[in-house]
Protein backbone atom coordinates (compact mmCIF):
# COMPACT_ATOMS: atom_id res chain seq x y z
CA MET A 1 -6.03 14.52 -8.20
CA ILE A 2 -7.48 11.82 -10.46
CA VAL A 3 -5.49 9.12 -8.66
CA ARG A 4 -6.90 10.17 -5.28
CA LEU A 5 -10.42 10.19 -6.71
CA LEU A 6 -10.02 6.69 -8.16
CA VAL A 7 -8.62 5.39 -4.85
CA TYR A 8 -11.57 6.96 -3.04
CA LEU A 9 -14.00 5.32 -5.46
CA CYS A 10 -12.30 1.95 -4.83
CA GLY A 11 -13.01 2.35 -1.12
CA GLY A 12 -9.76 3.90 0.09
CA PHE A 13 -6.16 2.80 0.39
CA TRP A 14 -6.70 -0.35 2.48
CA SER A 15 -9.63 -1.52 0.41
CA LEU A 16 -7.46 -1.12 -2.69
CA TYR A 17 -4.64 -3.01 -0.94
CA ARG A 18 -7.00 -5.94 -0.25
CA LYS A 19 -8.27 -5.89 -3.85
CA CYS A 20 -4.69 -6.13 -5.14
CA ASN A 21 -4.18 -9.33 -3.16
CA LYS A 22 -7.61 -10.87 -3.67
CA GLN A 23 -7.71 -11.61 -7.39
CA ARG A 24 -4.91 -13.06 -9.49
CA PHE A 25 -4.16 -12.60 -13.20
CA SER A 26 -7.12 -10.53 -14.28
CA PRO A 27 -7.23 -7.21 -16.17
CA LEU A 28 -9.06 -5.62 -13.24
CA ASN A 29 -6.33 -6.76 -10.86
CA LYS A 30 -3.69 -5.17 -13.11
CA PHE A 31 -5.65 -1.91 -12.93
CA TYR A 32 -5.82 -2.15 -9.10
CA ARG A 33 -2.07 -2.74 -8.85
CA LEU A 34 -1.29 0.15 -11.19
CA LEU A 35 -3.58 2.43 -9.20
CA PHE A 36 -1.99 1.24 -5.93
CA LYS A 37 1.47 2.02 -7.29
CA ALA A 38 0.35 5.46 -8.52
CA ASP A 39 -1.20 6.26 -5.13
CA SER A 40 2.01 5.28 -3.36
CA PHE A 41 3.94 7.58 -5.70
CA VAL A 42 1.55 10.48 -5.04
CA HIS A 43 2.02 10.05 -1.28
CA GLY A 44 5.81 9.71 -1.52
CA SER A 45 5.86 6.19 -0.16
CA SER A 46 6.54 2.69 -1.37
CA ILE A 47 4.34 0.05 0.19
CA ALA A 48 4.51 -3.22 -1.71
CA TRP A 49 1.11 -4.68 -2.54
CA ASP A 50 2.46 -8.16 -1.76
CA SER A 51 3.63 -7.32 1.77
CA TYR A 52 1.58 -8.94 4.55
CA PHE A 53 -0.40 -7.03 7.18
CA GLU A 54 -2.23 -8.93 9.94
CA GLY A 55 -4.42 -5.90 10.56
CA GLN A 56 -4.70 -2.33 9.39
CA PRO A 57 -1.73 -0.38 10.82
CA CYS A 58 -1.96 3.17 12.09
CA PHE A 59 -0.09 5.89 10.19
CA PRO A 60 -0.26 8.89 12.59
CA HIS A 61 1.58 11.20 10.18
CA GLY A 62 0.18 9.76 6.96
CA ARG A 63 2.05 7.57 4.51
CA ARG A 64 4.74 10.08 3.56
CA GLY A 65 8.24 8.61 3.29
CA ILE A 66 7.33 5.05 4.28
CA PHE A 67 9.06 2.14 2.57
CA ILE A 68 7.75 -1.40 3.17
CA SER A 69 9.35 -4.02 0.96
CA LYS A 70 7.57 -7.03 -0.44
CA TYR A 71 7.37 -10.13 1.72
CA SER A 72 7.48 -7.97 4.86
CA ARG A 73 5.18 -9.12 7.65
CA ILE A 74 3.58 -6.41 9.78
CA GLY A 75 1.77 -7.42 12.97
CA LYS A 76 -1.64 -6.47 14.23
CA ASN A 77 -2.22 -3.01 15.79
CA SER A 78 1.16 -1.69 14.62
CA VAL A 79 1.98 2.02 14.46
CA ILE A 80 4.24 3.18 11.63
CA PHE A 81 5.58 6.72 11.70
CA GLN A 82 6.84 8.76 8.76
CA HIS A 83 10.26 8.11 7.16
CA VAL A 84 10.38 4.46 8.24
CA THR A 85 11.88 1.59 6.25
CA ILE A 86 10.72 -1.97 6.88
CA GLY A 87 12.55 -4.65 4.96
CA TYR A 88 15.39 -3.95 2.59
CA ASN A 89 15.95 -1.99 -0.59
CA SER A 90 18.24 -4.13 -2.72
CA ASN A 91 17.82 -6.22 -5.84
């Protein structure tokens, strides 16, 4: 509940995503990234803050079960449904 409130106060999920990528190496940026990670956990998804989106994608069913790995590049006007993996999940 608190995580959703903080994300709302930051301007929503996509505003928080942009804030994570805007500033580098500041205490506020660390807070944004931690909040972004917590929000992804609450929604049951894993969207890397360092993945690249040309535009805001559409999530018709919400962000439940979506995995987007870092360094993924998502095009403009894309539609991403639930339980989709983009990228890879290996170390």
